[in-house]
Amino acid sequence: MKQKAIILALALGLFGATAASACTAEFKAKRGGQYVHSTISVPSSSCNSGGVLSLLQSQGYTNIQIVRISG
């Protein structure tokens, strides 16, 4: 039982560290003929306008305007 508690604590700690290392970007863009105003979670290595822009372009977004990056 003690082992399960330790494993659970380690798993939660790893998940928390992963979530904390990401940031959120708010953007406006066009995709498939529709305008979108949304947010996306990006890894810490892409927490800059260039990284967010590349990620959104790879997902098919065009006319991208990054409103805010936080985190």
N, C-alpha and C. Protein backbone atom coordinates (compact mmCIF):
# COMPACT_ATOMS: atom_id res chain seq x y z
N MET A 1 0.83 -1.20 0.00
CA MET A 1 0.00 0.00 0.00
C MET A 1 0.87 1.25 0.00
N LYS A 2 1.96 1.21 0.76
CA LYS A 2 2.86 2.34 0.85
C LYS A 2 3.51 2.61 -0.51
N GLN A 3 3.82 1.53 -1.25
CA GLN A 3 4.43 1.67 -2.56
C GLN A 3 3.48 2.37 -3.53
N LYS A 4 2.21 2.04 -3.45
CA LYS A 4 1.21 2.66 -4.34
C LYS A 4 1.13 4.16 -4.07
N ALA A 5 1.18 4.54 -2.79
CA ALA A 5 1.12 5.95 -2.44
C ALA A 5 2.35 6.69 -2.96
N ILE A 6 3.51 6.06 -2.88
CA ILE A 6 4.74 6.69 -3.37
C ILE A 6 4.69 6.82 -4.89
N ILE A 7 4.25 5.80 -5.58
CA ILE A 7 4.15 5.84 -7.04
C ILE A 7 3.16 6.91 -7.47
N LEU A 8 2.03 6.99 -6.80
CA LEU A 8 1.03 8.00 -7.12
C LEU A 8 1.59 9.41 -6.90
N ALA A 9 2.30 9.61 -5.81
CA ALA A 9 2.88 10.92 -5.52
C ALA A 9 3.92 11.30 -6.59
N LEU A 10 4.73 10.34 -7.01
CA LEU A 10 5.72 10.61 -8.04
C LEU A 10 5.05 10.93 -9.37
N ALA A 11 4.01 10.18 -9.72
CA ALA A 11 3.30 10.42 -10.98
C ALA A 11 2.66 11.81 -10.97
N LEU A 12 2.04 12.18 -9.88
CA LEU A 12 1.42 13.51 -9.79
C LEU A 12 2.48 14.60 -9.86
N GLY A 13 3.61 14.38 -9.25
CA GLY A 13 4.69 15.35 -9.30
C GLY A 13 5.23 15.53 -10.71
N LEU A 14 5.38 14.44 -11.44
CA LEU A 14 5.86 14.53 -12.83
C LEU A 14 4.84 15.22 -13.71
N PHE A 15 3.56 14.91 -13.52
CA PHE A 15 2.52 15.56 -14.31
C PHE A 15 2.48 17.05 -14.01
N GLY A 16 2.59 17.42 -12.76
CA GLY A 16 2.59 18.84 -12.38
C GLY A 16 3.76 19.58 -12.98
N ALA A 17 4.93 18.96 -13.01
CA ALA A 17 6.12 19.61 -13.59
C ALA A 17 5.94 19.80 -15.09
N THR A 18 5.34 18.82 -15.75
CA THR A 18 5.11 18.93 -17.19
C THR A 18 4.11 20.04 -17.49
N ALA A 19 3.04 20.09 -16.73
CA ALA A 19 2.02 21.11 -16.96
C ALA A 19 2.56 22.50 -16.69
N ALA A 20 3.41 22.63 -15.69
CA ALA A 20 3.94 23.93 -15.33
C ALA A 20 4.92 24.45 -16.37
N SER A 21 5.53 23.55 -17.14
CA SER A 21 6.53 23.98 -18.11
C SER A 21 5.91 24.47 -19.42
N ALA A 22 4.61 24.31 -19.58
CA ALA A 22 3.93 24.76 -20.79
C ALA A 22 3.42 26.18 -20.61
N CYS A 23 3.12 26.83 -21.72
CA CYS A 23 2.51 28.15 -21.64
C CYS A 23 1.27 28.16 -22.53
N THR A 24 0.50 29.21 -22.45
CA THR A 24 -0.74 29.34 -23.21
C THR A 24 -0.64 30.55 -24.13
N ALA A 25 -1.07 30.36 -25.36
CA ALA A 25 -1.07 31.45 -26.32
C ALA A 25 -2.51 31.71 -26.77
N GLU A 26 -2.90 32.96 -26.74
CA GLU A 26 -4.21 33.36 -27.26
C GLU A 26 -3.98 33.90 -28.67
N PHE A 27 -4.81 33.50 -29.61
CA PHE A 27 -4.59 33.91 -31.00
C PHE A 27 -5.90 34.10 -31.75
N LYS A 28 -5.79 34.83 -32.85
CA LYS A 28 -6.87 34.97 -33.83
C LYS A 28 -6.29 34.49 -35.15
N ALA A 29 -7.06 33.72 -35.90
CA ALA A 29 -6.55 33.18 -37.16
C ALA A 29 -7.72 32.72 -38.02
N LYS A 30 -7.36 32.25 -39.21
CA LYS A 30 -8.34 31.71 -40.13
C LYS A 30 -7.95 30.27 -40.43
N ARG A 31 -8.95 29.40 -40.41
CA ARG A 31 -8.71 27.98 -40.71
C ARG A 31 -9.95 27.42 -41.39
N GLY A 32 -9.75 26.88 -42.56
CA GLY A 32 -10.87 26.27 -43.28
C GLY A 32 -11.98 27.24 -43.61
N GLY A 33 -11.64 28.49 -43.91
CA GLY A 33 -12.64 29.48 -44.27
C GLY A 33 -13.35 30.13 -43.09
N GLN A 34 -13.00 29.75 -41.87
CA GLN A 34 -13.65 30.32 -40.70
C GLN A 34 -12.62 31.05 -39.84
N TYR A 35 -13.03 32.17 -39.27
CA TYR A 35 -12.16 32.88 -38.35
C TYR A 35 -12.28 32.28 -36.96
N VAL A 36 -11.16 32.17 -36.28
CA VAL A 36 -11.09 31.53 -34.98
C VAL A 36 -10.42 32.48 -33.99
N HIS A 37 -10.95 32.58 -32.79
CA HIS A 37 -10.31 33.29 -31.68
C HIS A 37 -10.26 32.28 -30.55
N SER A 38 -9.04 31.81 -30.23
CA SER A 38 -8.93 30.69 -29.29
C SER A 38 -7.61 30.75 -28.53
N THR A 39 -7.37 29.73 -27.72
CA THR A 39 -6.11 29.58 -27.02
C THR A 39 -5.55 28.20 -27.33
N ILE A 40 -4.24 28.10 -27.17
CA ILE A 40 -3.56 26.82 -27.39
C ILE A 40 -2.46 26.69 -26.35
N SER A 41 -2.29 25.49 -25.84
CA SER A 41 -1.21 25.20 -24.90
C SER A 41 0.01 24.77 -25.71
N VAL A 42 1.15 25.39 -25.44
CA VAL A 42 2.38 25.08 -26.19
C VAL A 42 3.48 24.69 -25.21
N PRO A 43 4.42 23.85 -25.64
CA PRO A 43 5.52 23.47 -24.76
C PRO A 43 6.42 24.65 -24.45
N SER A 44 7.14 24.56 -23.36
CA SER A 44 7.99 25.68 -22.93
C SER A 44 9.03 26.05 -23.99
N SER A 45 9.46 25.10 -24.80
CA SER A 45 10.44 25.39 -25.84
C SER A 45 9.87 26.28 -26.95
N SER A 46 8.54 26.41 -27.02
CA SER A 46 7.90 27.22 -28.05
C SER A 46 7.17 28.43 -27.46
N CYS A 47 7.53 28.84 -26.25
CA CYS A 47 6.86 29.95 -25.58
C CYS A 47 7.37 31.29 -26.09
N ASN A 48 7.33 31.48 -27.38
CA ASN A 48 7.67 32.76 -28.00
C ASN A 48 6.84 32.89 -29.27
N SER A 49 6.76 34.08 -29.82
CA SER A 49 5.88 34.30 -30.97
C SER A 49 6.27 33.44 -32.17
N GLY A 50 7.55 33.23 -32.40
CA GLY A 50 7.98 32.40 -33.52
C GLY A 50 7.57 30.95 -33.35
N GLY A 51 7.71 30.42 -32.14
CA GLY A 51 7.32 29.04 -31.88
C GLY A 51 5.82 28.84 -31.99
N VAL A 52 5.05 29.78 -31.46
CA VAL A 52 3.59 29.70 -31.53
C VAL A 52 3.14 29.80 -32.99
N LEU A 53 3.73 30.71 -33.73
CA LEU A 53 3.38 30.90 -35.14
C LEU A 53 3.65 29.61 -35.93
N SER A 54 4.81 28.99 -35.72
CA SER A 54 5.14 27.74 -36.42
C SER A 54 4.17 26.63 -36.08
N LEU A 55 3.82 26.52 -34.80
CA LEU A 55 2.89 25.49 -34.36
C LEU A 55 1.52 25.67 -35.02
N LEU A 56 1.02 26.91 -35.03
CA LEU A 56 -0.30 27.17 -35.62
C LEU A 56 -0.28 26.96 -37.13
N GLN A 57 0.79 27.36 -37.80
CA GLN A 57 0.89 27.14 -39.24
C GLN A 57 0.90 25.65 -39.57
N SER A 58 1.57 24.86 -38.73
CA SER A 58 1.62 23.41 -38.97
C SER A 58 0.25 22.76 -38.79
N GLN A 59 -0.66 23.45 -38.08
CA GLN A 59 -2.01 22.92 -37.89
C GLN A 59 -3.01 23.50 -38.89
N GLY A 60 -2.51 24.23 -39.89
CA GLY A 60 -3.37 24.71 -40.97
C GLY A 60 -3.96 26.08 -40.77
N TYR A 61 -3.51 26.85 -39.79
CA TYR A 61 -4.02 28.20 -39.57
C TYR A 61 -3.30 29.20 -40.47
N THR A 62 -4.03 30.20 -40.94
CA THR A 62 -3.45 31.29 -41.73
C THR A 62 -3.93 32.62 -41.14
N ASN A 63 -3.40 33.72 -41.65
CA ASN A 63 -3.77 35.06 -41.16
C ASN A 63 -3.70 35.13 -39.64
N ILE A 64 -2.60 34.65 -39.09
CA ILE A 64 -2.46 34.49 -37.64
C ILE A 64 -2.07 35.80 -36.97
N GLN A 65 -2.79 36.11 -35.90
CA GLN A 65 -2.44 37.25 -35.04
C GLN A 65 -2.34 36.70 -33.62
N ILE A 66 -1.17 36.77 -33.03
CA ILE A 66 -0.98 36.32 -31.66
C ILE A 66 -1.37 37.46 -30.74
N VAL A 67 -2.36 37.22 -29.90
CA VAL A 67 -2.87 38.23 -28.99
C VAL A 67 -2.02 38.30 -27.72
N ARG A 68 -1.70 37.12 -27.15
CA ARG A 68 -0.98 37.11 -25.87
C ARG A 68 -0.35 35.74 -25.66
N ILE A 69 0.82 35.73 -25.05
CA ILE A 69 1.47 34.50 -24.61
C ILE A 69 1.69 34.63 -23.11
N SER A 70 1.19 33.66 -22.35
CA SER A 70 1.35 33.72 -20.90
C SER A 70 1.81 32.39 -20.36
N GLY A 71 2.54 32.45 -19.28
CA GLY A 71 2.97 31.23 -18.62
C GLY A 71 4.40 31.05 -18.61
